[in-house]
Structures are given as structure tokens and as C-alpha cells.
Amino acid sequence: IEFVHKDRGCIINQRSLGQDTLSFDRAL
């Protein structure tokens, strides 16, 4: 994760590979 977004009008859930998920396809 590079740019960290704060919730404003939207709910934004940011997931980092390795830390929050094991792979792009698994998280997708």
C-alpha cells in the first residue's frame, strides 16, 4: 500500500499483499 485513503464519502478497504492477503488472485 502506497497512498493511504481515509473514508470520506466512500468506504475504502486497503489490503496489502503478504500482510493482509496471500496473492492478488486470492484477494480478488
mmCIF file of all heavy atoms, coordinates in Angstrom:
data_MODEL
# 
_entry.id   MODEL 
# 
loop_
_atom_site.group_PDB 
_atom_site.id 
_atom_site.type_symbol 
_atom_site.label_atom_id 
_atom_site.label_alt_id 
_atom_site.label_comp_id 
_atom_site.label_asym_id 
_atom_site.label_entity_id 
_atom_site.label_seq_id 
_atom_site.pdbx_PDB_ins_code 
_atom_site.Cartn_x 
_atom_site.Cartn_y 
_atom_site.Cartn_z 
_atom_site.occupancy 
_atom_site.B_iso_or_equiv 
_atom_site.pdbx_formal_charge 
_atom_site.auth_seq_id 
_atom_site.auth_comp_id 
_atom_site.auth_asym_id 
_atom_site.auth_atom_id 
_atom_site.pdbx_PDB_model_num 
ATOM 1   N N   . ILE A 1 1  ? 0.855   -1.180  0.000  1.00 0.00 ? 1  ILE A N   1 
ATOM 2   C CA  . ILE A 1 1  ? 0.000   0.000   0.000  1.00 0.00 ? 1  ILE A CA  1 
ATOM 3   C C   . ILE A 1 1  ? 0.893   1.232   0.000  1.00 0.00 ? 1  ILE A C   1 
ATOM 4   O O   . ILE A 1 1  ? 1.782   1.359   0.831  1.00 0.00 ? 1  ILE A O   1 
ATOM 5   C CB  . ILE A 1 1  ? -0.926  0.005   1.235  1.00 0.00 ? 1  ILE A CB  1 
ATOM 6   C CG1 . ILE A 1 1  ? -1.929  -1.152  1.145  1.00 0.00 ? 1  ILE A CG1 1 
ATOM 7   C CG2 . ILE A 1 1  ? -1.646  1.337   1.366  1.00 0.00 ? 1  ILE A CG2 1 
ATOM 8   C CD1 . ILE A 1 1  ? -2.718  -1.376  2.406  1.00 0.00 ? 1  ILE A CD1 1 
ATOM 9   N N   . GLU A 1 2  ? 0.639   2.131   -0.934 1.00 0.00 ? 2  GLU A N   1 
ATOM 10  C CA  . GLU A 1 2  ? 1.433   3.359   -1.021 1.00 0.00 ? 2  GLU A CA  1 
ATOM 11  C C   . GLU A 1 2  ? 0.647   4.544   -0.456 1.00 0.00 ? 2  GLU A C   1 
ATOM 12  O O   . GLU A 1 2  ? 0.969   5.074   0.591  1.00 0.00 ? 2  GLU A O   1 
ATOM 13  C CB  . GLU A 1 2  ? 1.857   3.607   -2.467 1.00 0.00 ? 2  GLU A CB  1 
ATOM 14  C CG  . GLU A 1 2  ? 2.764   2.498   -3.010 1.00 0.00 ? 2  GLU A CG  1 
ATOM 15  C CD  . GLU A 1 2  ? 3.350   2.838   -4.362 1.00 0.00 ? 2  GLU A CD  1 
ATOM 16  O OE1 . GLU A 1 2  ? 3.414   4.038   -4.700 1.00 0.00 ? 2  GLU A OE1 1 
ATOM 17  O OE2 . GLU A 1 2  ? 3.749   1.912   -5.090 1.00 0.00 ? 2  GLU A OE2 1 
ATOM 18  N N   . PHE A 1 3  ? -0.379  4.970   -1.156 1.00 0.00 ? 3  PHE A N   1 
ATOM 19  C CA  . PHE A 1 3  ? -1.199  6.081   -0.685 1.00 0.00 ? 3  PHE A CA  1 
ATOM 20  C C   . PHE A 1 3  ? -2.290  5.535   0.235  1.00 0.00 ? 3  PHE A C   1 
ATOM 21  O O   . PHE A 1 3  ? -3.031  4.630   -0.146 1.00 0.00 ? 3  PHE A O   1 
ATOM 22  C CB  . PHE A 1 3  ? -1.836  6.812   -1.864 1.00 0.00 ? 3  PHE A CB  1 
ATOM 23  C CG  . PHE A 1 3  ? -0.839  7.509   -2.747 1.00 0.00 ? 3  PHE A CG  1 
ATOM 24  C CD1 . PHE A 1 3  ? -0.265  6.859   -3.827 1.00 0.00 ? 3  PHE A CD1 1 
ATOM 25  C CD2 . PHE A 1 3  ? -0.468  8.827   -2.505 1.00 0.00 ? 3  PHE A CD2 1 
ATOM 26  C CE1 . PHE A 1 3  ? 0.647   7.487   -4.649 1.00 0.00 ? 3  PHE A CE1 1 
ATOM 27  C CE2 . PHE A 1 3  ? 0.445   9.476   -3.320 1.00 0.00 ? 3  PHE A CE2 1 
ATOM 28  C CZ  . PHE A 1 3  ? 1.003   8.807   -4.394 1.00 0.00 ? 3  PHE A CZ  1 
ATOM 29  N N   . VAL A 1 4  ? -2.391  6.098   1.432  1.00 0.00 ? 4  VAL A N   1 
ATOM 30  C CA  . VAL A 1 4  ? -3.398  5.656   2.391  1.00 0.00 ? 4  VAL A CA  1 
ATOM 31  C C   . VAL A 1 4  ? -4.615  6.576   2.293  1.00 0.00 ? 4  VAL A C   1 
ATOM 32  O O   . VAL A 1 4  ? -4.515  7.785   2.503  1.00 0.00 ? 4  VAL A O   1 
ATOM 33  C CB  . VAL A 1 4  ? -2.837  5.673   3.829  1.00 0.00 ? 4  VAL A CB  1 
ATOM 34  C CG1 . VAL A 1 4  ? -3.913  5.263   4.831  1.00 0.00 ? 4  VAL A CG1 1 
ATOM 35  C CG2 . VAL A 1 4  ? -1.628  4.739   3.937  1.00 0.00 ? 4  VAL A CG2 1 
ATOM 36  N N   . HIS A 1 5  ? -5.762  5.992   1.966  1.00 0.00 ? 5  HIS A N   1 
ATOM 37  C CA  . HIS A 1 5  ? -7.003  6.755   1.818  1.00 0.00 ? 5  HIS A CA  1 
ATOM 38  C C   . HIS A 1 5  ? -7.836  6.661   3.083  1.00 0.00 ? 5  HIS A C   1 
ATOM 39  O O   . HIS A 1 5  ? -7.971  5.590   3.675  1.00 0.00 ? 5  HIS A O   1 
ATOM 40  C CB  . HIS A 1 5  ? -7.818  6.206   0.639  1.00 0.00 ? 5  HIS A CB  1 
ATOM 41  C CG  . HIS A 1 5  ? -7.145  6.324   -0.686 1.00 0.00 ? 5  HIS A CG  1 
ATOM 42  N ND1 . HIS A 1 5  ? -7.287  7.416   -1.507 1.00 0.00 ? 5  HIS A ND1 1 
ATOM 43  C CD2 . HIS A 1 5  ? -6.309  5.465   -1.340 1.00 0.00 ? 5  HIS A CD2 1 
ATOM 44  C CE1 . HIS A 1 5  ? -6.590  7.238   -2.614 1.00 0.00 ? 5  HIS A CE1 1 
ATOM 45  N NE2 . HIS A 1 5  ? -5.984  6.060   -2.538 1.00 0.00 ? 5  HIS A NE2 1 
ATOM 46  N N   . LYS A 1 6  ? -8.387  7.783   3.496  1.00 0.00 ? 6  LYS A N   1 
ATOM 47  C CA  . LYS A 1 6  ? -9.308  7.827   4.628  1.00 0.00 ? 6  LYS A CA  1 
ATOM 48  C C   . LYS A 1 6  ? -10.742 7.841   4.095  1.00 0.00 ? 6  LYS A C   1 
ATOM 49  O O   . LYS A 1 6  ? -11.023 8.466   3.069  1.00 0.00 ? 6  LYS A O   1 
ATOM 50  C CB  . LYS A 1 6  ? -9.064  9.082   5.478  1.00 0.00 ? 6  LYS A CB  1 
ATOM 51  C CG  . LYS A 1 6  ? -7.649  9.190   6.038  1.00 0.00 ? 6  LYS A CG  1 
ATOM 52  C CD  . LYS A 1 6  ? -7.338  8.052   7.000  1.00 0.00 ? 6  LYS A CD  1 
ATOM 53  C CE  . LYS A 1 6  ? -5.936  8.219   7.600  1.00 0.00 ? 6  LYS A CE  1 
ATOM 54  N NZ  . LYS A 1 6  ? -5.589  7.071   8.469  1.00 0.00 ? 6  LYS A NZ  1 
ATOM 55  N N   . ASP A 1 7  ? -11.648 7.164   4.810  1.00 0.00 ? 7  ASP A N   1 
ATOM 56  C CA  . ASP A 1 7  ? -13.047 7.150   4.397  1.00 0.00 ? 7  ASP A CA  1 
ATOM 57  C C   . ASP A 1 7  ? -13.619 8.567   4.400  1.00 0.00 ? 7  ASP A C   1 
ATOM 58  O O   . ASP A 1 7  ? -13.523 9.281   5.399  1.00 0.00 ? 7  ASP A O   1 
ATOM 59  C CB  . ASP A 1 7  ? -13.878 6.293   5.344  1.00 0.00 ? 7  ASP A CB  1 
ATOM 60  C CG  . ASP A 1 7  ? -13.540 4.814   5.237  1.00 0.00 ? 7  ASP A CG  1 
ATOM 61  O OD1 . ASP A 1 7  ? -12.728 4.467   4.370  1.00 0.00 ? 7  ASP A OD1 1 
ATOM 62  O OD2 . ASP A 1 7  ? -14.091 4.028   6.019  1.00 0.00 ? 7  ASP A OD2 1 
ATOM 63  N N   . ARG A 1 8  ? -14.187 8.970   3.288  1.00 0.00 ? 8  ARG A N   1 
ATOM 64  C CA  . ARG A 1 8  ? -14.926 10.230  3.208  1.00 0.00 ? 8  ARG A CA  1 
ATOM 65  C C   . ARG A 1 8  ? -16.347 9.875   2.793  1.00 0.00 ? 8  ARG A C   1 
ATOM 66  O O   . ARG A 1 8  ? -17.134 9.418   3.596  1.00 0.00 ? 8  ARG A O   1 
ATOM 67  C CB  . ARG A 1 8  ? -14.242 11.190  2.249  1.00 0.00 ? 8  ARG A CB  1 
ATOM 68  C CG  . ARG A 1 8  ? -12.841 11.590  2.735  1.00 0.00 ? 8  ARG A CG  1 
ATOM 69  C CD  . ARG A 1 8  ? -12.369 12.883  2.113  1.00 0.00 ? 8  ARG A CD  1 
ATOM 70  N NE  . ARG A 1 8  ? -11.052 13.245  2.615  1.00 0.00 ? 8  ARG A NE  1 
ATOM 71  C CZ  . ARG A 1 8  ? -10.436 14.371  2.332  1.00 0.00 ? 8  ARG A CZ  1 
ATOM 72  N NH1 . ARG A 1 8  ? -11.026 15.260  1.537  1.00 0.00 ? 8  ARG A NH1 1 
ATOM 73  N NH2 . ARG A 1 8  ? -9.235  14.639  2.822  1.00 0.00 ? 8  ARG A NH2 1 
ATOM 74  N N   . GLY A 1 9  ? -16.656 10.056  1.516  1.00 0.00 ? 9  GLY A N   1 
ATOM 75  C CA  . GLY A 1 9  ? -17.965 9.595   1.079  1.00 0.00 ? 9  GLY A CA  1 
ATOM 76  C C   . GLY A 1 9  ? -18.013 8.089   0.936  1.00 0.00 ? 9  GLY A C   1 
ATOM 77  O O   . GLY A 1 9  ? -19.070 7.475   1.029  1.00 0.00 ? 9  GLY A O   1 
ATOM 78  N N   . CYS A 1 10 ? -16.860 7.479   0.702  1.00 0.00 ? 10 CYS A N   1 
ATOM 79  C CA  . CYS A 1 10 ? -16.778 6.047   0.434  1.00 0.00 ? 10 CYS A CA  1 
ATOM 80  C C   . CYS A 1 10 ? -16.221 5.263   1.624  1.00 0.00 ? 10 CYS A C   1 
ATOM 81  O O   . CYS A 1 10 ? -15.536 5.814   2.484  1.00 0.00 ? 10 CYS A O   1 
ATOM 82  C CB  . CYS A 1 10 ? -15.880 5.796   -0.783 1.00 0.00 ? 10 CYS A CB  1 
ATOM 83  S SG  . CYS A 1 10 ? -16.489 6.499   -2.321 1.00 0.00 ? 10 CYS A SG  1 
ATOM 84  N N   . ILE A 1 11 ? -16.518 3.963   1.621  1.00 0.00 ? 11 ILE A N   1 
ATOM 85  C CA  . ILE A 1 11 ? -15.810 3.019   2.486  1.00 0.00 ? 11 ILE A CA  1 
ATOM 86  C C   . ILE A 1 11 ? -14.636 2.494   1.665  1.00 0.00 ? 11 ILE A C   1 
ATOM 87  O O   . ILE A 1 11 ? -14.831 1.980   0.558  1.00 0.00 ? 11 ILE A O   1 
ATOM 88  C CB  . ILE A 1 11 ? -16.702 1.827   2.884  1.00 0.00 ? 11 ILE A CB  1 
ATOM 89  C CG1 . ILE A 1 11 ? -17.984 2.303   3.575  1.00 0.00 ? 11 ILE A CG1 1 
ATOM 90  C CG2 . ILE A 1 11 ? -15.937 0.859   3.774  1.00 0.00 ? 11 ILE A CG2 1 
ATOM 91  C CD1 . ILE A 1 11 ? -19.003 1.188   3.757  1.00 0.00 ? 11 ILE A CD1 1 
ATOM 92  N N   . ILE A 1 12 ? -13.419 2.636   2.174  1.00 0.00 ? 12 ILE A N   1 
ATOM 93  C CA  . ILE A 1 12 ? -12.242 2.169   1.442  1.00 0.00 ? 12 ILE A CA  1 
ATOM 94  C C   . ILE A 1 12 ? -11.489 1.150   2.293  1.00 0.00 ? 12 ILE A C   1 
ATOM 95  O O   . ILE A 1 12 ? -10.975 1.473   3.371  1.00 0.00 ? 12 ILE A O   1 
ATOM 96  C CB  . ILE A 1 12 ? -11.308 3.331   1.049  1.00 0.00 ? 12 ILE A CB  1 
ATOM 97  C CG1 . ILE A 1 12 ? -12.071 4.381   0.229  1.00 0.00 ? 12 ILE A CG1 1 
ATOM 98  C CG2 . ILE A 1 12 ? -10.108 2.809   0.263  1.00 0.00 ? 12 ILE A CG2 1 
ATOM 99  C CD1 . ILE A 1 12 ? -11.240 5.546   -0.228 1.00 0.00 ? 12 ILE A CD1 1 
ATOM 100 N N   . ASN A 1 13 ? -11.439 -0.090  1.834  1.00 0.00 ? 13 ASN A N   1 
ATOM 101 C CA  . ASN A 1 13 ? -10.672 -1.146  2.486  1.00 0.00 ? 13 ASN A CA  1 
ATOM 102 C C   . ASN A 1 13 ? -9.431  -1.439  1.651  1.00 0.00 ? 13 ASN A C   1 
ATOM 103 O O   . ASN A 1 13 ? -9.536  -1.880  0.496  1.00 0.00 ? 13 ASN A O   1 
ATOM 104 C CB  . ASN A 1 13 ? -11.507 -2.419  2.630  1.00 0.00 ? 13 ASN A CB  1 
ATOM 105 C CG  . ASN A 1 13 ? -12.527 -2.314  3.750  1.00 0.00 ? 13 ASN A CG  1 
ATOM 106 O OD1 . ASN A 1 13 ? -12.173 -2.059  4.888  1.00 0.00 ? 13 ASN A OD1 1 
ATOM 107 N ND2 . ASN A 1 13 ? -13.805 -2.493  3.410  1.00 0.00 ? 13 ASN A ND2 1 
ATOM 108 N N   . GLN A 1 14 ? -8.260  -1.156  2.213  1.00 0.00 ? 14 GLN A N   1 
ATOM 109 C CA  . GLN A 1 14 ? -6.996  -1.372  1.508  1.00 0.00 ? 14 GLN A CA  1 
ATOM 110 C C   . GLN A 1 14 ? -6.297  -2.610  2.061  1.00 0.00 ? 14 GLN A C   1 
ATOM 111 O O   . GLN A 1 14 ? -6.067  -2.725  3.267  1.00 0.00 ? 14 GLN A O   1 
ATOM 112 C CB  . GLN A 1 14 ? -6.095  -0.142  1.653  1.00 0.00 ? 14 GLN A CB  1 
ATOM 113 C CG  . GLN A 1 14 ? -6.682  1.097   0.976  1.00 0.00 ? 14 GLN A CG  1 
ATOM 114 C CD  . GLN A 1 14 ? -5.768  2.297   1.038  1.00 0.00 ? 14 GLN A CD  1 
ATOM 115 O OE1 . GLN A 1 14 ? -5.971  3.189   1.861  1.00 0.00 ? 14 GLN A OE1 1 
ATOM 116 N NE2 . GLN A 1 14 ? -4.778  2.326   0.164  1.00 0.00 ? 14 GLN A NE2 1 
ATOM 117 N N   . ARG A 1 15 ? -5.941  -3.527  1.164  1.00 0.00 ? 15 ARG A N   1 
ATOM 118 C CA  . ARG A 1 15 ? -5.311  -4.782  1.552  1.00 0.00 ? 15 ARG A CA  1 
ATOM 119 C C   . ARG A 1 15 ? -3.915  -4.858  0.944  1.00 0.00 ? 15 ARG A C   1 
ATOM 120 O O   . ARG A 1 15 ? -3.735  -4.633  -0.259 1.00 0.00 ? 15 ARG A O   1 
ATOM 121 C CB  . ARG A 1 15 ? -6.151  -5.977  1.106  1.00 0.00 ? 15 ARG A CB  1 
ATOM 122 C CG  . ARG A 1 15 ? -7.622  -5.912  1.553  1.00 0.00 ? 15 ARG A CG  1 
ATOM 123 C CD  . ARG A 1 15 ? -8.333  -7.214  1.273  1.00 0.00 ? 15 ARG A CD  1 
ATOM 124 N NE  . ARG A 1 15 ? -7.806  -8.286  2.113  1.00 0.00 ? 15 ARG A NE  1 
ATOM 125 C CZ  . ARG A 1 15 ? -8.065  -9.580  1.903  1.00 0.00 ? 15 ARG A CZ  1 
ATOM 126 N NH1 . ARG A 1 15 ? -8.795  -9.946  0.860  1.00 0.00 ? 15 ARG A NH1 1 
ATOM 127 N NH2 . ARG A 1 15 ? -7.573  -10.489 2.716  1.00 0.00 ? 15 ARG A NH2 1 
ATOM 128 N N   . SER A 1 16 ? -2.946  -5.200  1.785  1.00 0.00 ? 16 SER A N   1 
ATOM 129 C CA  . SER A 1 16 ? -1.556  -5.282  1.344  1.00 0.00 ? 16 SER A CA  1 
ATOM 130 C C   . SER A 1 16 ? -1.159  -6.734  1.116  1.00 0.00 ? 16 SER A C   1 
ATOM 131 O O   . SER A 1 16 ? -1.420  -7.599  1.970  1.00 0.00 ? 16 SER A O   1 
ATOM 132 C CB  . SER A 1 16 ? -0.636  -4.654  2.392  1.00 0.00 ? 16 SER A CB  1 
ATOM 133 O OG  . SER A 1 16 ? 0.725   -4.780  2.026  1.00 0.00 ? 16 SER A OG  1 
ATOM 134 N N   . LEU A 1 17 ? -0.535  -7.001  -0.025 1.00 0.00 ? 17 LEU A N   1 
ATOM 135 C CA  . LEU A 1 17 ? -0.080  -8.352  -0.345 1.00 0.00 ? 17 LEU A CA  1 
ATOM 136 C C   . LEU A 1 17 ? 0.970   -8.795  0.672  1.00 0.00 ? 17 LEU A C   1 
ATOM 137 O O   . LEU A 1 17 ? 1.894   -8.067  0.986  1.00 0.00 ? 17 LEU A O   1 
ATOM 138 C CB  . LEU A 1 17 ? 0.520   -8.375  -1.756 1.00 0.00 ? 17 LEU A CB  1 
ATOM 139 C CG  . LEU A 1 17 ? 0.528   -9.719  -2.476 1.00 0.00 ? 17 LEU A CG  1 
ATOM 140 C CD1 . LEU A 1 17 ? -0.887  -10.169 -2.782 1.00 0.00 ? 17 LEU A CD1 1 
ATOM 141 C CD2 . LEU A 1 17 ? 1.332   -9.611  -3.772 1.00 0.00 ? 17 LEU A CD2 1 
ATOM 142 N N   . GLY A 1 18 ? 0.791   -10.003 1.199  1.00 0.00 ? 18 GLY A N   1 
ATOM 143 C CA  . GLY A 1 18 ? 1.728   -10.523 2.191  1.00 0.00 ? 18 GLY A CA  1 
ATOM 144 C C   . GLY A 1 18 ? 1.261   -10.273 3.601  1.00 0.00 ? 18 GLY A C   1 
ATOM 145 O O   . GLY A 1 18 ? 1.296   -11.161 4.446  1.00 0.00 ? 18 GLY A O   1 
ATOM 146 N N   . GLN A 1 19 ? 0.772   -9.071  3.862  1.00 0.00 ? 19 GLN A N   1 
ATOM 147 C CA  . GLN A 1 19 ? 0.310   -8.734  5.201  1.00 0.00 ? 19 GLN A CA  1 
ATOM 148 C C   . GLN A 1 19 ? -1.178  -9.039  5.391  1.00 0.00 ? 19 GLN A C   1 
ATOM 149 O O   . GLN A 1 19 ? -1.578  -9.619  6.399  1.00 0.00 ? 19 GLN A O   1 
ATOM 150 C CB  . GLN A 1 19 ? 0.557   -7.251  5.478  1.00 0.00 ? 19 GLN A CB  1 
ATOM 151 C CG  . GLN A 1 19 ? 0.040   -6.764  6.833  1.00 0.00 ? 19 GLN A CG  1 
ATOM 152 C CD  . GLN A 1 19 ? 0.342   -5.296  7.062  1.00 0.00 ? 19 GLN A CD  1 
ATOM 153 O OE1 . GLN A 1 19 ? 1.473   -4.849  6.859  1.00 0.00 ? 19 GLN A OE1 1 
ATOM 154 N NE2 . GLN A 1 19 ? -0.650  -4.535  7.479  1.00 0.00 ? 19 GLN A NE2 1 
ATOM 155 N N   . ASP A 1 20 ? -2.003  -8.657  4.413  1.00 0.00 ? 20 ASP A N   1 
ATOM 156 C CA  . ASP A 1 20 ? -3.453  -8.821  4.540  1.00 0.00 ? 20 ASP A CA  1 
ATOM 157 C C   . ASP A 1 20 ? -4.020  -9.906  3.636  1.00 0.00 ? 20 ASP A C   1 
ATOM 158 O O   . ASP A 1 20 ? -5.160  -10.323 3.815  1.00 0.00 ? 20 ASP A O   1 
ATOM 159 C CB  . ASP A 1 20 ? -4.159  -7.496  4.219  1.00 0.00 ? 20 ASP A CB  1 
ATOM 160 C CG  . ASP A 1 20 ? -3.649  -6.351  5.085  1.00 0.00 ? 20 ASP A CG  1 
ATOM 161 O OD1 . ASP A 1 20 ? -3.537  -6.549  6.303  1.00 0.00 ? 20 ASP A OD1 1 
ATOM 162 O OD2 . ASP A 1 20 ? -3.341  -5.278  4.534  1.00 0.00 ? 20 ASP A OD2 1 
ATOM 163 N N   . THR A 1 21 ? -3.256  -10.322 2.650  1.00 0.00 ? 21 THR A N   1 
ATOM 164 C CA  . THR A 1 21 ? -3.703  -11.372 1.738  1.00 0.00 ? 21 THR A CA  1 
ATOM 165 C C   . THR A 1 21 ? -2.477  -12.066 1.148  1.00 0.00 ? 21 THR A C   1 
ATOM 166 O O   . THR A 1 21 ? -1.378  -11.482 1.144  1.00 0.00 ? 21 THR A O   1 
ATOM 167 C CB  . THR A 1 21 ? -4.585  -10.798 0.617  1.00 0.00 ? 21 THR A CB  1 
ATOM 168 O OG1 . THR A 1 21 ? -5.071  -11.873 -0.201 1.00 0.00 ? 21 THR A OG1 1 
ATOM 169 C CG2 . THR A 1 21 ? -3.817  -9.818  -0.251 1.00 0.00 ? 21 THR A CG2 1 
ATOM 170 N N   . LEU A 1 22 ? -2.670  -13.288 0.647  1.00 0.00 ? 22 LEU A N   1 
ATOM 171 C CA  . LEU A 1 22 ? -1.528  -14.065 0.155  1.00 0.00 ? 22 LEU A CA  1 
ATOM 172 C C   . LEU A 1 22 ? -1.236  -13.825 -1.324 1.00 0.00 ? 22 LEU A C   1 
ATOM 173 O O   . LEU A 1 22 ? -0.108  -14.034 -1.770 1.00 0.00 ? 22 LEU A O   1 
ATOM 174 C CB  . LEU A 1 22 ? -1.767  -15.558 0.401  1.00 0.00 ? 22 LEU A CB  1 
ATOM 175 C CG  . LEU A 1 22 ? -1.914  -15.971 1.871  1.00 0.00 ? 22 LEU A CG  1 
ATOM 176 C CD1 . LEU A 1 22 ? -2.183  -17.463 1.981  1.00 0.00 ? 22 LEU A CD1 1 
ATOM 177 C CD2 . LEU A 1 22 ? -0.656  -15.593 2.661  1.00 0.00 ? 22 LEU A CD2 1 
ATOM 178 N N   . SER A 1 23 ? -2.238  -13.405 -2.096 1.00 0.00 ? 23 SER A N   1 
ATOM 179 C CA  . SER A 1 23 ? -1.996  -13.192 -3.529 1.00 0.00 ? 23 SER A CA  1 
ATOM 180 C C   . SER A 1 23 ? -3.081  -12.297 -4.105 1.00 0.00 ? 23 SER A C   1 
ATOM 181 O O   . SER A 1 23 ? -4.166  -12.148 -3.535 1.00 0.00 ? 23 SER A O   1 
ATOM 182 C CB  . SER A 1 23 ? -1.994  -14.532 -4.287 1.00 0.00 ? 23 SER A CB  1 
ATOM 183 O OG  . SER A 1 23 ? -3.282  -15.126 -4.242 1.00 0.00 ? 23 SER A OG  1 
ATOM 184 N N   . PHE A 1 24 ? -2.787  -11.695 -5.265 1.00 0.00 ? 24 PHE A N   1 
ATOM 185 C CA  . PHE A 1 24 ? -3.753  -10.838 -5.930 1.00 0.00 ? 24 PHE A CA  1 
ATOM 186 C C   . PHE A 1 24 ? -5.007  -11.623 -6.310 1.00 0.00 ? 24 PHE A C   1 
ATOM 187 O O   . PHE A 1 24 ? -6.126  -11.174 -6.073 1.00 0.00 ? 24 PHE A O   1 
ATOM 188 C CB  . PHE A 1 24 ? -3.147  -10.225 -7.203 1.00 0.00 ? 24 PHE A CB  1 
ATOM 189 C CG  . PHE A 1 24 ? -2.279  -9.025  -6.956 1.00 0.00 ? 24 PHE A CG  1 
ATOM 190 C CD1 . PHE A 1 24 ? -0.954  -9.011  -7.370 1.00 0.00 ? 24 PHE A CD1 1 
ATOM 191 C CD2 . PHE A 1 24 ? -2.789  -7.903  -6.329 1.00 0.00 ? 24 PHE A CD2 1 
ATOM 192 C CE1 . PHE A 1 24 ? -0.151  -7.912  -7.152 1.00 0.00 ? 24 PHE A CE1 1 
ATOM 193 C CE2 . PHE A 1 24 ? -1.997  -6.780  -6.109 1.00 0.00 ? 24 PHE A CE2 1 
ATOM 194 C CZ  . PHE A 1 24 ? -0.669  -6.791  -6.522 1.00 0.00 ? 24 PHE A CZ  1 
ATOM 195 N N   . ASP A 1 25 ? -4.824  -12.801 -6.921 1.00 0.00 ? 25 ASP A N   1 
ATOM 196 C CA  . ASP A 1 25 ? -5.985  -13.545 -7.392 1.00 0.00 ? 25 ASP A CA  1 
ATOM 197 C C   . ASP A 1 25 ? -6.843  -14.039 -6.231 1.00 0.00 ? 25 ASP A C   1 
ATOM 198 O O   . ASP A 1 25 ? -8.074  -14.036 -6.312 1.00 0.00 ? 25 ASP A O   1 
ATOM 199 C CB  . ASP A 1 25 ? -5.556  -14.711 -8.299 1.00 0.00 ? 25 ASP A CB  1 
ATOM 200 C CG  . ASP A 1 25 ? -4.684  -15.721 -7.595 1.00 0.00 ? 25 ASP A CG  1 
ATOM 201 O OD1 . ASP A 1 25 ? -3.475  -15.456 -7.470 1.00 0.00 ? 25 ASP A OD1 1 
ATOM 202 O OD2 . ASP A 1 25 ? -5.206  -16.765 -7.162 1.00 0.00 ? 25 ASP A OD2 1 
ATOM 203 N N   . ARG A 1 26 ? -6.196  -14.427 -5.116 1.00 0.00 ? 26 ARG A N   1 
ATOM 204 C CA  . ARG A 1 26 ? -6.948  -14.875 -3.939 1.00 0.00 ? 26 ARG A CA  1 
ATOM 205 C C   . ARG A 1 26 ? -7.792  -13.719 -3.374 1.00 0.00 ? 26 ARG A C   1 
ATOM 206 O O   . ARG A 1 26 ? -8.968  -13.877 -3.066 1.00 0.00 ? 26 ARG A O   1 
ATOM 207 C CB  . ARG A 1 26 ? -5.955  -15.396 -2.896 1.00 0.00 ? 26 ARG A CB  1 
ATOM 208 C CG  . ARG A 1 26 ? -6.601  -16.026 -1.668 1.00 0.00 ? 26 ARG A CG  1 
ATOM 209 C CD  . ARG A 1 26 ? -5.517  -16.339 -0.630 1.00 0.00 ? 26 ARG A CD  1 
ATOM 210 N NE  . ARG A 1 26 ? -6.056  -17.005 0.525  1.00 0.00 ? 26 ARG A NE  1 
ATOM 211 C CZ  . ARG A 1 26 ? -5.925  -18.301 0.782  1.00 0.00 ? 26 ARG A CZ  1 
ATOM 212 N NH1 . ARG A 1 26 ? -5.288  -19.070 -0.078 1.00 0.00 ? 26 ARG A NH1 1 
ATOM 213 N NH2 . ARG A 1 26 ? -6.432  -18.822 1.878  1.00 0.00 ? 26 ARG A NH2 1 
ATOM 214 N N   . ALA A 1 27 ? -7.163  -12.535 -3.252 1.00 0.00 ? 27 ALA A N   1 
ATOM 215 C CA  . ALA A 1 27 ? -7.872  -11.376 -2.714 1.00 0.00 ? 27 ALA A CA  1 
ATOM 216 C C   . ALA A 1 27 ? -8.964  -10.904 -3.665 1.00 0.00 ? 27 ALA A C   1 
ATOM 217 O O   . ALA A 1 27 ? -10.034 -10.470 -3.229 1.00 0.00 ? 27 ALA A O   1 
ATOM 218 C CB  . ALA A 1 27 ? -6.882  -10.246 -2.448 1.00 0.00 ? 27 ALA A CB  1 
ATOM 219 N N   . LEU A 1 28 ? -8.705  -10.998 -4.962 1.00 0.00 ? 28 LEU A N   1 
ATOM 220 C CA  . LEU A 1 28 ? -9.689  -10.568 -5.954 1.00 0.00 ? 28 LEU A CA  1 
ATOM 221 C C   . LEU A 1 28 ? -10.901 -11.499 -5.943 1.00 0.00 ? 28 LEU A C   1 
ATOM 222 O O   . LEU A 1 28 ? -12.055 -11.046 -6.023 1.00 0.00 ? 28 LEU A O   1 
ATOM 223 C CB  . LEU A 1 28 ? -9.047  -10.542 -7.337 1.00 0.00 ? 28 LEU A CB  1 
ATOM 224 C CG  . LEU A 1 28 ? -9.877  -10.043 -8.519 1.00 0.00 ? 28 LEU A CG  1 
ATOM 225 C CD1 . LEU A 1 28 ? -10.547 -8.716  -8.207 1.00 0.00 ? 28 LEU A CD1 1 
ATOM 226 C CD2 . LEU A 1 28 ? -8.995  -9.918  -9.746 1.00 0.00 ? 28 LEU A CD2 1 
# 
